[in-house]
Amino acid sequence: MGKYKIEIRKSAVKELNRLPKKDLKQVVNRIKMLADNPRQPASKKLCADEKYRIRQGKYRILYEIEDRILIVYVIKVAHRTEVYRK
């Protein structure tokens, strides 16, 4: 399996910028790990959409995988109580 490219949506970048620095580093490291294996054992596929989520402490990272072109789109990064609200 090749290495995936990570693309972070503008809205997710804004959410990342709001995180406390100690949590930001851990979340960014978790996102980088998605490039090697986007379907990690810790990730869960969401029922309603073709999206996945992975946990990092009290935060959740929602993302989509495009296998044809080897891209992982990070859609949302938020606290666990806020992440699934629209």
PDB file of N, CA and C in Angstrom:
ATOM      1  N   MET A   1       0.845  -1.176   0.000  1.00  0.00           N
ATOM      2  CA  MET A   1       0.000   0.000   0.000  1.00  0.00           C
ATOM      3  C   MET A   1       0.889   1.237   0.000  1.00  0.00           C
ATOM      4  N   GLY A   2       0.554   2.184  -0.845  1.00  0.00           N
ATOM      5  CA  GLY A   2       1.329   3.421  -0.918  1.00  0.00           C
ATOM      6  C   GLY A   2       1.005   4.362   0.220  1.00  0.00           C
ATOM      7  N   LYS A   3       1.782   5.407   0.309  1.00  0.00           N
ATOM      8  CA  LYS A   3       1.559   6.411   1.345  1.00  0.00           C
ATOM      9  C   LYS A   3       0.495   7.394   0.868  1.00  0.00           C
ATOM     10  N   TYR A   4      -0.461   7.666   1.724  1.00  0.00           N
ATOM     11  CA  TYR A   4      -1.552   8.577   1.402  1.00  0.00           C
ATOM     12  C   TYR A   4      -1.131  10.022   1.633  1.00  0.00           C
ATOM     13  N   LYS A   5      -1.713  10.914   0.851  1.00  0.00           N
ATOM     14  CA  LYS A   5      -1.510  12.344   1.039  1.00  0.00           C
ATOM     15  C   LYS A   5      -2.606  12.833   1.983  1.00  0.00           C
ATOM     16  N   ILE A   6      -2.274  13.740   2.867  1.00  0.00           N
ATOM     17  CA  ILE A   6      -3.235  14.289   3.821  1.00  0.00           C
ATOM     18  C   ILE A   6      -3.652  15.676   3.354  1.00  0.00           C
ATOM     19  N   GLU A   7      -4.954  15.894   3.226  1.00  0.00           N
ATOM     20  CA  GLU A   7      -5.488  17.225   2.926  1.00  0.00           C
ATOM     21  C   GLU A   7      -6.448  17.606   4.040  1.00  0.00           C
ATOM     22  N   ILE A   8      -6.223  18.777   4.614  1.00  0.00           N
ATOM     23  CA  ILE A   8      -7.046  19.251   5.721  1.00  0.00           C
ATOM     24  C   ILE A   8      -7.925  20.387   5.225  1.00  0.00           C
ATOM     25  N   ARG A   9      -9.231  20.244   5.390  1.00  0.00           N
ATOM     26  CA  ARG A   9     -10.177  21.277   4.962  1.00  0.00           C
ATOM     27  C   ARG A   9      -9.947  22.567   5.745  1.00  0.00           C
ATOM     28  N   LYS A  10     -10.312  23.690   5.160  1.00  0.00           N
ATOM     29  CA  LYS A  10     -10.121  24.989   5.816  1.00  0.00           C
ATOM     30  C   LYS A  10     -10.823  25.045   7.167  1.00  0.00           C
ATOM     31  N   SER A  11     -12.012  24.489   7.231  1.00  0.00           N
ATOM     32  CA  SER A  11     -12.750  24.505   8.494  1.00  0.00           C
ATOM     33  C   SER A  11     -12.023  23.688   9.569  1.00  0.00           C
ATOM     34  N   ALA A  12     -11.398  22.590   9.174  1.00  0.00           N
ATOM     35  CA  ALA A  12     -10.650  21.769  10.130  1.00  0.00           C
ATOM     36  C   ALA A  12      -9.378  22.483  10.582  1.00  0.00           C
ATOM     37  N   VAL A  13      -8.773  23.267   9.690  1.00  0.00           N
ATOM     38  CA  VAL A  13      -7.590  24.044  10.071  1.00  0.00           C
ATOM     39  C   VAL A  13      -7.969  25.060  11.147  1.00  0.00           C
ATOM     40  N   LYS A  14      -9.115  25.708  10.980  1.00  0.00           N
ATOM     41  CA  LYS A  14      -9.591  26.662  11.987  1.00  0.00           C
ATOM     42  C   LYS A  14      -9.809  25.968  13.327  1.00  0.00           C
ATOM     43  N   GLU A  15     -10.386  24.774  13.268  1.00  0.00           N
ATOM     44  CA  GLU A  15     -10.622  24.014  14.496  1.00  0.00           C
ATOM     45  C   GLU A  15      -9.305  23.616  15.158  1.00  0.00           C
ATOM     46  N   LEU A  16      -8.318  23.233  14.350  1.00  0.00           N
ATOM     47  CA  LEU A  16      -6.996  22.883  14.885  1.00  0.00           C
ATOM     48  C   LEU A  16      -6.350  24.081  15.571  1.00  0.00           C
ATOM     49  N   ASN A  17      -6.508  25.255  14.975  1.00  0.00           N
ATOM     50  CA  ASN A  17      -5.908  26.462  15.546  1.00  0.00           C
ATOM     51  C   ASN A  17      -6.505  26.833  16.899  1.00  0.00           C
ATOM     52  N   ARG A  18      -7.711  26.364  17.185  1.00  0.00           N
ATOM     53  CA  ARG A  18      -8.365  26.665  18.459  1.00  0.00           C
ATOM     54  C   ARG A  18      -7.986  25.702  19.580  1.00  0.00           C
ATOM     55  N   LEU A  19      -7.313  24.606  19.242  1.00  0.00           N
ATOM     56  CA  LEU A  19      -6.957  23.613  20.260  1.00  0.00           C
ATOM     57  C   LEU A  19      -5.833  24.122  21.155  1.00  0.00           C
ATOM     58  N   PRO A  20      -5.825  23.684  22.426  1.00  0.00           N
ATOM     59  CA  PRO A  20      -4.693  24.009  23.300  1.00  0.00           C
ATOM     60  C   PRO A  20      -3.407  23.389  22.741  1.00  0.00           C
ATOM     61  N   LYS A  21      -2.276  24.054  22.937  1.00  0.00           N
ATOM     62  CA  LYS A  21      -1.013  23.615  22.332  1.00  0.00           C
ATOM     63  C   LYS A  21      -0.645  22.188  22.694  1.00  0.00           C
ATOM     64  N   LYS A  22      -0.862  21.779  23.949  1.00  0.00           N
ATOM     65  CA  LYS A  22      -0.485  20.428  24.352  1.00  0.00           C
ATOM     66  C   LYS A  22      -1.316  19.376  23.614  1.00  0.00           C
ATOM     67  N   ASP A  23      -2.572  19.668  23.343  1.00  0.00           N
ATOM     68  CA  ASP A  23      -3.427  18.749  22.613  1.00  0.00           C
ATOM     69  C   ASP A  23      -3.182  18.823  21.111  1.00  0.00           C
ATOM     70  N   LEU A  24      -2.849  20.005  20.622  1.00  0.00           N
ATOM     71  CA  LEU A  24      -2.625  20.200  19.195  1.00  0.00           C
ATOM     72  C   LEU A  24      -1.514  19.286  18.673  1.00  0.00           C
ATOM     73  N   LYS A  25      -0.423  19.197  19.397  1.00  0.00           N
ATOM     74  CA  LYS A  25       0.706  18.374  18.956  1.00  0.00           C
ATOM     75  C   LYS A  25       0.294  16.910  18.832  1.00  0.00           C
ATOM     76  N   GLN A  26      -0.469  16.405  19.790  1.00  0.00           N
ATOM     77  CA  GLN A  26      -0.909  15.013  19.750  1.00  0.00           C
ATOM     78  C   GLN A  26      -1.883  14.766  18.603  1.00  0.00           C
ATOM     79  N   VAL A  27      -2.787  15.709  18.369  1.00  0.00           N
ATOM     80  CA  VAL A  27      -3.761  15.561  17.285  1.00  0.00           C
ATOM     81  C   VAL A  27      -3.056  15.592  15.928  1.00  0.00           C
ATOM     82  N   VAL A  28      -2.105  16.491  15.759  1.00  0.00           N
ATOM     83  CA  VAL A  28      -1.361  16.578  14.495  1.00  0.00           C
ATOM     84  C   VAL A  28      -0.568  15.290  14.253  1.00  0.00           C
ATOM     85  N   ASN A  29       0.037  14.737  15.289  1.00  0.00           N
ATOM     86  CA  ASN A  29       0.762  13.473  15.139  1.00  0.00           C
ATOM     87  C   ASN A  29      -0.175  12.349  14.721  1.00  0.00           C
ATOM     88  N   ARG A  30      -1.377  12.326  15.278  1.00  0.00           N
ATOM     89  CA  ARG A  30      -2.356  11.298  14.918  1.00  0.00           C
ATOM     90  C   ARG A  30      -2.779  11.451  13.458  1.00  0.00           C
ATOM     91  N   ILE A  31      -2.958  12.692  13.007  1.00  0.00           N
ATOM     92  CA  ILE A  31      -3.311  12.940  11.609  1.00  0.00           C
ATOM     93  C   ILE A  31      -2.192  12.470  10.687  1.00  0.00           C
ATOM     94  N   LYS A  32      -0.949  12.737  11.059  1.00  0.00           N
ATOM     95  CA  LYS A  32       0.191  12.290  10.243  1.00  0.00           C
ATOM     96  C   LYS A  32       0.235  10.771  10.127  1.00  0.00           C
ATOM     97  N   MET A  33      -0.173  10.078  11.172  1.00  0.00           N
ATOM     98  CA  MET A  33      -0.181   8.615  11.144  1.00  0.00           C
ATOM     99  C   MET A  33      -1.174   8.067  10.126  1.00  0.00           C
ATOM    100  N   LEU A  34      -2.193   8.849   9.790  1.00  0.00           N
ATOM    101  CA  LEU A  34      -3.188   8.414   8.808  1.00  0.00           C
ATOM    102  C   LEU A  34      -2.579   8.254   7.417  1.00  0.00           C
ATOM    103  N   ALA A  35      -1.474   8.920   7.139  1.00  0.00           N
ATOM    104  CA  ALA A  35      -0.837   8.820   5.826  1.00  0.00           C
ATOM    105  C   ALA A  35      -0.319   7.399   5.581  1.00  0.00           C
ATOM    106  N   ASP A  36       0.142   6.738   6.622  1.00  0.00           N
ATOM    107  CA  ASP A  36       0.661   5.372   6.471  1.00  0.00           C
ATOM    108  C   ASP A  36      -0.455   4.334   6.428  1.00  0.00           C
ATOM    109  N   ASN A  37      -1.461   4.516   7.262  1.00  0.00           N
ATOM    110  CA  ASN A  37      -2.552   3.555   7.330  1.00  0.00           C
ATOM    111  C   ASN A  37      -3.832   4.273   7.767  1.00  0.00           C
ATOM    112  N   PRO A  38      -4.670   4.694   6.829  1.00  0.00           N
ATOM    113  CA  PRO A  38      -5.884   5.420   7.208  1.00  0.00           C
ATOM    114  C   PRO A  38      -6.939   4.543   7.882  1.00  0.00           C
ATOM    115  N   ARG A  39      -6.836   3.238   7.718  1.00  0.00           N
ATOM    116  CA  ARG A  39      -7.790   2.330   8.368  1.00  0.00           C
ATOM    117  C   ARG A  39      -7.102   1.604   9.523  1.00  0.00           C
ATOM    118  N   GLN A  40      -6.699   2.380  10.495  1.00  0.00           N
ATOM    119  CA  GLN A  40      -6.027   1.832  11.671  1.00  0.00           C
ATOM    120  C   GLN A  40      -7.023   1.044  12.510  1.00  0.00           C
ATOM    121  N   PRO A  41      -6.527   0.104  13.319  1.00  0.00           N
ATOM    122  CA  PRO A  41      -7.448  -0.661  14.179  1.00  0.00           C
ATOM    123  C   PRO A  41      -8.262   0.231  15.118  1.00  0.00           C
ATOM    124  N   ALA A  42      -7.734   1.374  15.500  1.00  0.00           N
ATOM    125  CA  ALA A  42      -8.441   2.282  16.410  1.00  0.00           C
ATOM    126  C   ALA A  42      -9.488   3.125  15.697  1.00  0.00           C
ATOM    127  N   SER A  43      -9.495   3.156  14.375  1.00  0.00           N
ATOM    128  CA  SER A  43     -10.460   3.991  13.651  1.00  0.00           C
ATOM    129  C   SER A  43     -11.787   3.254  13.507  1.00  0.00           C
ATOM    130  N   LYS A  44     -12.844   4.020  13.435  1.00  0.00           N
ATOM    131  CA  LYS A  44     -14.188   3.460  13.284  1.00  0.00           C
ATOM    132  C   LYS A  44     -14.848   4.074  12.056  1.00  0.00           C
ATOM    133  N   LYS A  45     -15.551   3.236  11.291  1.00  0.00           N
ATOM    134  CA  LYS A  45     -16.307   3.723  10.153  1.00  0.00           C
ATOM    135  C   LYS A  45     -17.652   4.226  10.657  1.00  0.00           C
ATOM    136  N   LEU A  46     -18.048   5.404  10.232  1.00  0.00           N
ATOM    137  CA  LEU A  46     -19.334   5.959  10.639  1.00  0.00           C
ATOM    138  C   LEU A  46     -20.439   5.343   9.789  1.00  0.00           C
ATOM    139  N   CYS A  47     -21.544   5.054  10.399  1.00  0.00           N
ATOM    140  CA  CYS A  47     -22.641   4.358   9.722  1.00  0.00           C
ATOM    141  C   CYS A  47     -23.304   5.179   8.626  1.00  0.00           C
ATOM    142  N   ALA A  48     -23.573   6.423   8.910  1.00  0.00           N
ATOM    143  CA  ALA A  48     -24.368   7.238   7.995  1.00  0.00           C
ATOM    144  C   ALA A  48     -23.617   7.625   6.721  1.00  0.00           C
ATOM    145  N   ASP A  49     -22.334   7.825   6.819  1.00  0.00           N
ATOM    146  CA  ASP A  49     -21.552   8.328   5.686  1.00  0.00           C
ATOM    147  C   ASP A  49     -20.378   7.406   5.399  1.00  0.00           C
ATOM    148  N   GLU A  50     -19.682   7.720   4.350  1.00  0.00           N
ATOM    149  CA  GLU A  50     -18.429   7.031   4.043  1.00  0.00           C
ATOM    150  C   GLU A  50     -17.280   7.762   4.728  1.00  0.00           C
ATOM    151  N   LYS A  51     -17.430   7.995   6.005  1.00  0.00           N
ATOM    152  CA  LYS A  51     -16.424   8.714   6.775  1.00  0.00           C
ATOM    153  C   LYS A  51     -15.918   7.820   7.894  1.00  0.00           C
ATOM    154  N   TYR A  52     -14.774   8.186   8.413  1.00  0.00           N
ATOM    155  CA  TYR A  52     -14.164   7.465   9.520  1.00  0.00           C
ATOM    156  C   TYR A  52     -13.877   8.459  10.631  1.00  0.00           C
ATOM    157  N   ARG A  53     -13.689   7.928  11.842  1.00  0.00           N
ATOM    158  CA  ARG A  53     -13.272   8.776  12.946  1.00  0.00           C
ATOM    159  C   ARG A  53     -12.201   8.042  13.724  1.00  0.00           C
ATOM    160  N   ILE A  54     -11.321   8.833  14.291  1.00  0.00           N
ATOM    161  CA  ILE A  54     -10.287   8.294  15.161  1.00  0.00           C
ATOM    162  C   ILE A  54     -10.205   9.191  16.377  1.00  0.00           C
ATOM    163  N   ARG A  55      -9.925   8.588  17.507  1.00  0.00           N
ATOM    164  CA  ARG A  55      -9.874   9.339  18.753  1.00  0.00           C
ATOM    165  C   ARG A  55      -8.444   9.722  19.084  1.00  0.00           C
ATOM    166  N   GLN A  56      -8.305  10.899  19.644  1.00  0.00           N
ATOM    167  CA  GLN A  56      -7.034  11.339  20.213  1.00  0.00           C
ATOM    168  C   GLN A  56      -7.371  12.072  21.502  1.00  0.00           C
ATOM    169  N   GLY A  57      -7.250  11.384  22.604  1.00  0.00           N
ATOM    170  CA  GLY A  57      -7.620  11.970  23.884  1.00  0.00           C
ATOM    171  C   GLY A  57      -9.099  12.310  23.891  1.00  0.00           C
ATOM    172  N   LYS A  58      -9.419  13.547  24.230  1.00  0.00           N
ATOM    173  CA  LYS A  58     -10.825  13.962  24.261  1.00  0.00           C
ATOM    174  C   LYS A  58     -11.289  14.562  22.943  1.00  0.00           C
ATOM    175  N   TYR A  59     -10.477  14.435  21.902  1.00  0.00           N
ATOM    176  CA  TYR A  59     -10.818  14.984  20.587  1.00  0.00           C
ATOM    177  C   TYR A  59     -11.074  13.861  19.592  1.00  0.00           C
ATOM    178  N   ARG A  60     -11.863  14.195  18.577  1.00  0.00           N
ATOM    179  CA  ARG A  60     -12.164  13.256  17.501  1.00  0.00           C
ATOM    180  C   ARG A  60     -11.765  13.886  16.179  1.00  0.00           C
ATOM    181  N   ILE A  61     -11.236  13.062  15.296  1.00  0.00           N
ATOM    182  CA  ILE A  61     -10.824  13.497  13.967  1.00  0.00           C
ATOM    183  C   ILE A  61     -11.707  12.754  12.970  1.00  0.00           C
ATOM    184  N   LEU A  62     -12.501  13.488  12.210  1.00  0.00           N
ATOM    185  CA  LEU A  62     -13.345  12.891  11.177  1.00  0.00           C
ATOM    186  C   LEU A  62     -12.648  13.046   9.835  1.00  0.00           C
ATOM    187  N   TYR A  63     -12.646  11.958   9.052  1.00  0.00           N
ATOM    188  CA  TYR A  63     -11.961  12.016   7.767  1.00  0.00           C
ATOM    189  C   TYR A  63     -12.585  11.073   6.758  1.00  0.00           C
ATOM    190  N   GLU A  64     -12.309  11.344   5.480  1.00  0.00           N
ATOM    191  CA  GLU A  64     -12.737  10.503   4.369  1.00  0.00           C
ATOM    192  C   GLU A  64     -11.494   9.963   3.679  1.00  0.00           C
ATOM    193  N   ILE A  65     -11.630   8.785   3.095  1.00  0.00           N
ATOM    194  CA  ILE A  65     -10.504   8.163   2.393  1.00  0.00           C
ATOM    195  C   ILE A  65     -10.860   8.040   0.919  1.00  0.00           C
ATOM    196  N   GLU A  66      -9.964   8.493   0.080  1.00  0.00           N
ATOM    197  CA  GLU A  66     -10.122   8.356  -1.374  1.00  0.00           C
ATOM    198  C   GLU A  66      -9.025   7.400  -1.845  1.00  0.00           C
ATOM    199  N   ASP A  67      -9.368   6.106  -1.918  1.00  0.00           N
ATOM    200  CA  ASP A  67      -8.370   5.081  -2.230  1.00  0.00           C
ATOM    201  C   ASP A  67      -7.829   5.169  -3.654  1.00  0.00           C
ATOM    202  N   ARG A  68      -8.656   5.591  -4.586  1.00  0.00           N
ATOM    203  CA  ARG A  68      -8.212   5.662  -5.986  1.00  0.00           C
ATOM    204  C   ARG A  68      -7.002   6.560  -6.162  1.00  0.00           C
ATOM    205  N   ILE A  69      -7.025   7.699  -5.453  1.00  0.00           N
ATOM    206  CA  ILE A  69      -5.954   8.678  -5.637  1.00  0.00           C
ATOM    207  C   ILE A  69      -5.090   8.839  -4.382  1.00  0.00           C
ATOM    208  N   LEU A  70      -5.277   7.948  -3.404  1.00  0.00           N
ATOM    209  CA  LEU A  70      -4.471   7.910  -2.180  1.00  0.00           C
ATOM    210  C   LEU A  70      -4.457   9.242  -1.430  1.00  0.00           C
ATOM    211  N   ILE A  71      -5.656   9.718  -1.094  1.00  0.00           N
ATOM    212  CA  ILE A  71      -5.781  10.963  -0.328  1.00  0.00           C
ATOM    213  C   ILE A  71      -6.698  10.719   0.872  1.00  0.00           C
ATOM    214  N   VAL A  72      -6.318  11.293   1.995  1.00  0.00           N
ATOM    215  CA  VAL A  72      -7.157  11.316   3.190  1.00  0.00           C
ATOM    216  C   VAL A  72      -7.565  12.768   3.413  1.00  0.00           C
ATOM    217  N   TYR A  73      -8.876  13.030   3.418  1.00  0.00           N
ATOM    218  CA  TYR A  73      -9.400  14.373   3.654  1.00  0.00           C
ATOM    219  C   TYR A  73      -9.816  14.483   5.115  1.00  0.00           C
ATOM    220  N   VAL A  74      -9.146  15.344   5.867  1.00  0.00           N
ATOM    221  CA  VAL A  74      -9.544  15.600   7.251  1.00  0.00           C
ATOM    222  C   VAL A  74     -10.647  16.642   7.200  1.00  0.00           C
ATOM    223  N   ILE A  75     -11.831  16.250   7.687  1.00  0.00           N
ATOM    224  CA  ILE A  75     -13.014  17.091   7.561  1.00  0.00           C
ATOM    225  C   ILE A  75     -13.263  17.918   8.809  1.00  0.00           C
ATOM    226  N   LYS A  76     -13.082  17.303   9.960  1.00  0.00           N
ATOM    227  CA  LYS A  76     -13.436  17.987  11.195  1.00  0.00           C
ATOM    228  C   LYS A  76     -12.561  17.481  12.332  1.00  0.00           C
ATOM    229  N   VAL A  77     -12.177  18.401  13.216  1.00  0.00           N
ATOM    230  CA  VAL A  77     -11.443  18.080  14.438  1.00  0.00           C
ATOM    231  C   VAL A  77     -12.143  18.842  15.554  1.00  0.00           C
ATOM    232  N   ALA A  78     -12.666  18.103  16.535  1.00  0.00           N
ATOM    233  CA  ALA A  78     -13.414  18.772  17.599  1.00  0.00           C
ATOM    234  C   ALA A  78     -13.423  17.926  18.861  1.00  0.00           C
ATOM    235  N   HIS A  79     -13.836  18.560  19.946  1.00  0.00           N
ATOM    236  CA  HIS A  79     -14.001  17.870  21.215  1.00  0.00           C
ATOM    237  C   HIS A  79     -15.071  16.799  21.042  1.00  0.00           C
ATOM    238  N   ARG A  80     -14.974  15.741  21.791  1.00  0.00           N
ATOM    239  CA  ARG A  80     -15.898  14.614  21.625  1.00  0.00           C
ATOM    240  C   ARG A  80     -17.357  14.974  21.830  1.00  0.00           C
ATOM    241  N   THR A  81     -17.629  16.000  22.616  1.00  0.00           N
ATOM    242  CA  THR A  81     -19.030  16.386  22.833  1.00  0.00           C
ATOM    243  C   THR A  81     -19.588  17.222  21.691  1.00  0.00           C
ATOM    244  N   GLU A  82     -18.727  17.773  20.846  1.00  0.00           N
ATOM    245  CA  GLU A  82     -19.144  18.677  19.782  1.00  0.00           C
ATOM    246  C   GLU A  82     -19.015  18.089  18.376  1.00  0.00           C
ATOM    247  N   VAL A  83     -18.255  17.045  18.197  1.00  0.00           N
ATOM    248  CA  VAL A  83     -17.832  16.622  16.865  1.00  0.00           C
ATOM    249  C   VAL A  83     -18.966  16.170  15.959  1.00  0.00           C
ATOM    250  N   TYR A  84     -20.012  15.552  16.484  1.00  0.00           N
ATOM    251  CA  TYR A  84     -21.059  15.016  15.625  1.00  0.00           C
ATOM    252  C   TYR A  84     -22.219  15.968  15.409  1.00  0.00           C
ATOM    253  N   ARG A  85     -22.166  17.143  16.018  1.00  0.00           N
ATOM    254  CA  ARG A  85     -23.227  18.136  15.813  1.00  0.00           C
ATOM    255  C   ARG A  85     -23.033  18.828  14.478  1.00  0.00           C
ATOM    256  N   LYS A  86     -24.136  19.156  13.821  1.00  0.00           N
ATOM    257  CA  LYS A  86     -24.030  19.810  12.514  1.00  0.00           C
ATOM    258  C   LYS A  86     -24.277  21.262  12.607  1.00  0.00           C
TER     259      LYS A  86
END
